[in-house]
Amino acid sequence: MEWQDRETVKKGDLGEEIVSKYFDEKGYVIYKPISNRAHGFDRLVSHGKDRFVIVEVKTKAKRNSFPDTGINYKHYLEYRKISEKHNLPVFIYFVDEMLGQIYGGELDKLEIPDCYEFNGKNFSYPLIEQYDKTKIIYFYQPTMNVIKELTPEQIEHIKSFSTRNHDYKKLNQPIKS
């Protein structure tokens, strides 16, 4: 199977196009890779000619059992390195078919440590967890900026590429501890 034929890649491409359309409608200029090879980030976005930002898009729902969402820690380190090397801010946006929203923010802001109580337990974010050979860094979703609500058609289209083998759940709202 070719890389671009995978369901997860199609889902990611759809999320990237939804976010690109949002920025285009807001008057931004969007630059994107034209090759199908691995690339450092999804989009370079500018508003005018004096400010550029890196935009990374993750098309995935938040976790079911926790009020957070995350990315591969290795990718996180790559975004940090690119940001520092080129002195450009990195924004990460999550296209979430469960909540029906696009949310996220600047990586520097998502990284600010904070604690929250959820189901009687305290959690410190960002939260790093190891799963077999993969390390994930989680960010607290309720503090992220919502930039757009998804349409019902967009939600269904994204869900058509879902590889989840369980239903989505609504969670109690966490409180800041």
C-alpha atoms as a PDB file:
ATOM      1  CA  MET A   1       0.000   0.000   0.000  1.00  0.00           C
ATOM      2  CA  GLU A   2       1.290   3.447  -0.939  1.00  0.00           C
ATOM      3  CA  TRP A   3       1.816   5.959   1.890  1.00  0.00           C
ATOM      4  CA  GLN A   4      -0.810   8.390   0.591  1.00  0.00           C
ATOM      5  CA  ASP A   5      -3.407   5.574   0.330  1.00  0.00           C
ATOM      6  CA  ARG A   6      -3.432   4.912   4.089  1.00  0.00           C
ATOM      7  CA  GLU A   7      -6.600   5.932   5.961  1.00  0.00           C
ATOM      8  CA  THR A   8      -4.608   7.898   8.562  1.00  0.00           C
ATOM      9  CA  VAL A   9      -2.809   9.860   5.836  1.00  0.00           C
ATOM     10  CA  LYS A  10      -6.100  10.654   4.073  1.00  0.00           C
ATOM     11  CA  LYS A  11      -7.564  11.785   7.399  1.00  0.00           C
ATOM     12  CA  GLY A  12      -4.527  13.985   8.052  1.00  0.00           C
ATOM     13  CA  ASP A  13      -4.662  15.473   4.558  1.00  0.00           C
ATOM     14  CA  LEU A  14      -8.343  16.330   5.086  1.00  0.00           C
ATOM     15  CA  GLY A  15      -7.572  18.103   8.375  1.00  0.00           C
ATOM     16  CA  GLU A  16      -4.715  20.044   6.775  1.00  0.00           C
ATOM     17  CA  GLU A  17      -7.012  21.225   3.982  1.00  0.00           C
ATOM     18  CA  ILE A  18      -9.715  22.309   6.471  1.00  0.00           C
ATOM     19  CA  VAL A  19      -7.179  24.342   8.465  1.00  0.00           C
ATOM     20  CA  SER A  20      -5.626  25.795   5.294  1.00  0.00           C
ATOM     21  CA  LYS A  21      -9.067  26.902   4.099  1.00  0.00           C
ATOM     22  CA  TYR A  22      -9.692  28.572   7.474  1.00  0.00           C
ATOM     23  CA  PHE A  23      -6.442  30.567   7.254  1.00  0.00           C
ATOM     24  CA  ASP A  24      -7.044  31.422   3.598  1.00  0.00           C
ATOM     25  CA  GLU A  25     -10.505  32.795   4.455  1.00  0.00           C
ATOM     26  CA  LYS A  26      -8.881  34.950   7.165  1.00  0.00           C
ATOM     27  CA  GLY A  27      -6.547  36.516   4.582  1.00  0.00           C
ATOM     28  CA  TYR A  28      -3.372  34.548   5.307  1.00  0.00           C
ATOM     29  CA  VAL A  29      -1.012  33.205   2.650  1.00  0.00           C
ATOM     30  CA  ILE A  30      -0.378  29.468   3.011  1.00  0.00           C
ATOM     31  CA  TYR A  31       2.729  27.654   1.820  1.00  0.00           C
ATOM     32  CA  LYS A  32       2.712  23.870   1.784  1.00  0.00           C
ATOM     33  CA  PRO A  33       5.056  21.071   0.735  1.00  0.00           C
ATOM     34  CA  ILE A  34       4.488  19.914  -2.833  1.00  0.00           C
ATOM     35  CA  SER A  35       6.195  16.547  -2.550  1.00  0.00           C
ATOM     36  CA  ASN A  36       4.777  13.376  -1.011  1.00  0.00           C
ATOM     37  CA  ARG A  37       7.951  12.830   0.997  1.00  0.00           C
ATOM     38  CA  ALA A  38       8.506  13.421   4.692  1.00  0.00           C
ATOM     39  CA  HIS A  39       8.542  17.111   5.568  1.00  0.00           C
ATOM     40  CA  GLY A  40       9.370  19.084   8.714  1.00  0.00           C
ATOM     41  CA  PHE A  41       5.939  20.671   9.145  1.00  0.00           C
ATOM     42  CA  ASP A  42       2.573  20.937   7.395  1.00  0.00           C
ATOM     43  CA  ARG A  43       2.265  24.629   6.532  1.00  0.00           C
ATOM     44  CA  LEU A  44       4.107  27.920   6.636  1.00  0.00           C
ATOM     45  CA  VAL A  45       1.606  30.735   7.074  1.00  0.00           C
ATOM     46  CA  SER A  46       2.029  34.489   6.746  1.00  0.00           C
ATOM     47  CA  HIS A  47      -0.135  37.534   7.224  1.00  0.00           C
ATOM     48  CA  GLY A  48       1.644  40.252   5.351  1.00  0.00           C
ATOM     49  CA  LYS A  49       5.292  39.910   4.490  1.00  0.00           C
ATOM     50  CA  ASP A  50       6.844  40.434   7.894  1.00  0.00           C
ATOM     51  CA  ARG A  51       5.532  37.594  10.077  1.00  0.00           C
ATOM     52  CA  PHE A  52       5.672  33.895   9.315  1.00  0.00           C
ATOM     53  CA  VAL A  53       4.573  31.023  11.536  1.00  0.00           C
ATOM     54  CA  ILE A  54       4.774  27.268  11.228  1.00  0.00           C
ATOM     55  CA  VAL A  55       1.446  25.448  11.412  1.00  0.00           C
ATOM     56  CA  GLU A  56       1.315  21.760  12.238  1.00  0.00           C
ATOM     57  CA  VAL A  57      -2.068  20.029  11.938  1.00  0.00           C
ATOM     58  CA  LYS A  58      -3.113  16.875  13.787  1.00  0.00           C
ATOM     59  CA  THR A  59      -6.430  15.406  12.702  1.00  0.00           C
ATOM     60  CA  LYS A  60      -7.412  13.429  15.762  1.00  0.00           C
ATOM     61  CA  ALA A  61      -9.912  13.450  18.570  1.00  0.00           C
ATOM     62  CA  LYS A  62      -8.854  14.104  22.125  1.00  0.00           C
ATOM     63  CA  ARG A  63      -8.367  11.102  24.406  1.00  0.00           C
ATOM     64  CA  ASN A  64     -11.514   9.465  25.721  1.00  0.00           C
ATOM     65  CA  SER A  65     -10.484   9.105  29.353  1.00  0.00           C
ATOM     66  CA  PHE A  66      -8.574  12.347  29.857  1.00  0.00           C
ATOM     67  CA  PRO A  67      -9.143  16.033  29.002  1.00  0.00           C
ATOM     68  CA  ASP A  68      -6.110  16.157  26.746  1.00  0.00           C
ATOM     69  CA  THR A  69      -4.651  15.401  23.386  1.00  0.00           C
ATOM     70  CA  GLY A  70      -1.107  14.809  22.328  1.00  0.00           C
ATOM     71  CA  ILE A  71       1.543  14.217  19.747  1.00  0.00           C
ATOM     72  CA  ASN A  72       4.498  11.937  19.297  1.00  0.00           C
ATOM     73  CA  TYR A  73       7.285  13.208  21.550  1.00  0.00           C
ATOM     74  CA  LYS A  74       9.851  12.728  18.788  1.00  0.00           C
ATOM     75  CA  HIS A  75       7.826  15.056  16.539  1.00  0.00           C
ATOM     76  CA  TYR A  76       7.486  17.534  19.383  1.00  0.00           C
ATOM     77  CA  LEU A  77      11.284  17.671  19.687  1.00  0.00           C
ATOM     78  CA  GLU A  78      11.573  18.170  15.916  1.00  0.00           C
ATOM     79  CA  TYR A  79       9.130  21.127  16.031  1.00  0.00           C
ATOM     80  CA  ARG A  80      11.103  22.669  18.908  1.00  0.00           C
ATOM     81  CA  LYS A  81      14.349  22.301  16.951  1.00  0.00           C
ATOM     82  CA  ILE A  82      12.882  23.835  13.774  1.00  0.00           C
ATOM     83  CA  SER A  83      11.373  26.700  15.763  1.00  0.00           C
ATOM     84  CA  GLU A  84      14.632  27.491  17.521  1.00  0.00           C
ATOM     85  CA  LYS A  85      16.827  27.087  14.437  1.00  0.00           C
ATOM     86  CA  HIS A  86      14.693  29.359  12.255  1.00  0.00           C
ATOM     87  CA  ASN A  87      13.336  31.617  14.993  1.00  0.00           C
ATOM     88  CA  LEU A  88       9.740  30.928  13.937  1.00  0.00           C
ATOM     89  CA  PRO A  89       6.842  30.136  16.273  1.00  0.00           C
ATOM     90  CA  VAL A  90       5.157  26.758  15.851  1.00  0.00           C
ATOM     91  CA  PHE A  91       1.390  26.509  16.184  1.00  0.00           C
ATOM     92  CA  ILE A  92      -0.222  23.101  16.601  1.00  0.00           C
ATOM     93  CA  TYR A  93      -3.875  22.732  15.682  1.00  0.00           C
ATOM     94  CA  PHE A  94      -5.996  19.671  16.382  1.00  0.00           C
ATOM     95  CA  VAL A  95      -8.909  18.937  14.061  1.00  0.00           C
ATOM     96  CA  ASP A  96     -11.142  17.014  16.471  1.00  0.00           C
ATOM     97  CA  GLU A  97     -14.111  15.152  15.039  1.00  0.00           C
ATOM     98  CA  MET A  98     -15.338  14.198  18.533  1.00  0.00           C
ATOM     99  CA  LEU A  99     -15.657  17.775  19.806  1.00  0.00           C
ATOM    100  CA  GLY A 100     -16.382  19.119  16.319  1.00  0.00           C
ATOM    101  CA  GLN A 101     -13.729  21.796  16.648  1.00  0.00           C
ATOM    102  CA  ILE A 102     -10.330  22.988  15.541  1.00  0.00           C
ATOM    103  CA  TYR A 103      -8.314  24.045  18.568  1.00  0.00           C
ATOM    104  CA  GLY A 104      -4.708  24.482  19.559  1.00  0.00           C
ATOM    105  CA  GLY A 105      -2.181  27.213  19.946  1.00  0.00           C
ATOM    106  CA  GLU A 106       1.429  28.247  19.969  1.00  0.00           C
ATOM    107  CA  LEU A 107       3.726  25.480  21.153  1.00  0.00           C
ATOM    108  CA  ASP A 108       5.455  27.857  23.588  1.00  0.00           C
ATOM    109  CA  LYS A 109       2.074  28.429  25.289  1.00  0.00           C
ATOM    110  CA  LEU A 110       0.994  24.764  25.227  1.00  0.00           C
ATOM    111  CA  GLU A 111       4.236  23.886  27.033  1.00  0.00           C
ATOM    112  CA  ILE A 112       3.569  26.117  30.053  1.00  0.00           C
ATOM    113  CA  PRO A 113       3.327  23.766  33.063  1.00  0.00           C
ATOM    114  CA  ASP A 114       0.053  23.671  34.970  1.00  0.00           C
ATOM    115  CA  CYS A 115      -1.939  21.281  37.199  1.00  0.00           C
ATOM    116  CA  TYR A 116      -5.560  20.214  36.969  1.00  0.00           C
ATOM    117  CA  GLU A 117      -7.804  17.958  38.990  1.00  0.00           C
ATOM    118  CA  PHE A 118      -9.814  15.412  37.085  1.00  0.00           C
ATOM    119  CA  ASN A 119     -11.916  12.597  38.603  1.00  0.00           C
ATOM    120  CA  GLY A 120     -10.292  13.179  41.990  1.00  0.00           C
ATOM    121  CA  LYS A 121      -6.708  12.971  40.691  1.00  0.00           C
ATOM    122  CA  ASN A 122      -4.188  15.704  39.986  1.00  0.00           C
ATOM    123  CA  PHE A 123      -2.485  15.870  36.622  1.00  0.00           C
ATOM    124  CA  SER A 124       0.445  18.041  35.567  1.00  0.00           C
ATOM    125  CA  TYR A 125       0.613  19.205  31.972  1.00  0.00           C
ATOM    126  CA  PRO A 126       2.304  18.822  29.657  1.00  0.00           C
ATOM    127  CA  LEU A 127       2.146  15.128  30.482  1.00  0.00           C
ATOM    128  CA  ILE A 128       4.623  12.694  28.938  1.00  0.00           C
ATOM    129  CA  GLU A 129       3.779   8.982  28.777  1.00  0.00           C
ATOM    130  CA  GLN A 130       5.627   6.020  27.296  1.00  0.00           C
ATOM    131  CA  TYR A 131       3.758   3.321  25.317  1.00  0.00           C
ATOM    132  CA  ASP A 132       5.991   0.455  24.231  1.00  0.00           C
ATOM    133  CA  LYS A 133       8.505   2.219  21.954  1.00  0.00           C
ATOM    134  CA  THR A 134       6.505   5.421  21.516  1.00  0.00           C
ATOM    135  CA  LYS A 135       6.560   8.426  23.820  1.00  0.00           C
ATOM    136  CA  ILE A 136       3.618  10.849  23.696  1.00  0.00           C
ATOM    137  CA  ILE A 137       3.426  14.387  25.054  1.00  0.00           C
ATOM    138  CA  TYR A 138      -0.095  15.421  26.061  1.00  0.00           C
ATOM    139  CA  PHE A 139      -1.418  18.964  26.334  1.00  0.00           C
ATOM    140  CA  TYR A 140      -4.445  20.050  28.354  1.00  0.00           C
ATOM    141  CA  GLN A 141      -7.241  20.496  25.816  1.00  0.00           C
ATOM    142  CA  PRO A 142      -9.648  22.833  27.699  1.00  0.00           C
ATOM    143  CA  THR A 143      -7.047  25.630  27.750  1.00  0.00           C
ATOM    144  CA  MET A 144      -6.445  25.548  23.997  1.00  0.00           C
ATOM    145  CA  ASN A 145      -7.881  28.218  21.707  1.00  0.00           C
ATOM    146  CA  VAL A 146     -10.848  27.109  19.618  1.00  0.00           C
ATOM    147  CA  ILE A 147     -10.471  28.713  16.208  1.00  0.00           C
ATOM    148  CA  LYS A 148     -13.382  27.110  14.355  1.00  0.00           C
ATOM    149  CA  GLU A 149     -16.340  24.784  14.722  1.00  0.00           C
ATOM    150  CA  LEU A 150     -16.443  21.970  12.181  1.00  0.00           C
ATOM    151  CA  THR A 151     -19.518  21.506  10.013  1.00  0.00           C
ATOM    152  CA  PRO A 152     -21.522  18.277  10.362  1.00  0.00           C
ATOM    153  CA  GLU A 153     -20.302  17.314   6.871  1.00  0.00           C
ATOM    154  CA  GLN A 154     -16.658  17.837   7.846  1.00  0.00           C
ATOM    155  CA  ILE A 155     -17.151  15.772  11.023  1.00  0.00           C
ATOM    156  CA  GLU A 156     -18.668  12.874   9.092  1.00  0.00           C
ATOM    157  CA  HIS A 157     -15.991  13.053   6.400  1.00  0.00           C
ATOM    158  CA  ILE A 158     -13.214  12.918   9.015  1.00  0.00           C
ATOM    159  CA  LYS A 159     -14.958  10.064  10.859  1.00  0.00           C
ATOM    160  CA  SER A 160     -15.067   8.082   7.611  1.00  0.00           C
ATOM    161  CA  PHE A 161     -11.253   7.769   7.885  1.00  0.00           C
ATOM    162  CA  SER A 162     -11.221   6.953  11.591  1.00  0.00           C
ATOM    163  CA  THR A 163      -9.192   3.982  12.755  1.00  0.00           C
ATOM    164  CA  ARG A 164     -10.545   4.110  16.331  1.00  0.00           C
ATOM    165  CA  ASN A 165     -11.972   0.841  17.544  1.00  0.00           C
ATOM    166  CA  HIS A 166     -14.069   2.414  20.343  1.00  0.00           C
ATOM    167  CA  ASP A 167     -16.779   5.049  20.685  1.00  0.00           C
ATOM    168  CA  TYR A 168     -16.244   8.622  21.755  1.00  0.00           C
ATOM    169  CA  LYS A 169     -17.188   9.589  25.317  1.00  0.00           C
ATOM    170  CA  LYS A 170     -18.109  12.887  26.896  1.00  0.00           C
ATOM    171  CA  LEU A 171     -16.079  13.631  30.044  1.00  0.00           C
ATOM    172  CA  ASN A 172     -16.757  15.547  33.241  1.00  0.00           C
ATOM    173  CA  GLN A 173     -15.104  18.941  33.139  1.00  0.00           C
ATOM    174  CA  PRO A 174     -11.782  19.069  34.997  1.00  0.00           C
ATOM    175  CA  ILE A 175     -10.980  21.846  37.434  1.00  0.00           C
ATOM    176  CA  LYS A 176      -7.771  23.751  37.933  1.00  0.00           C
ATOM    177  CA  SER A 177      -6.025  22.557  41.097  1.00  0.00           C
END
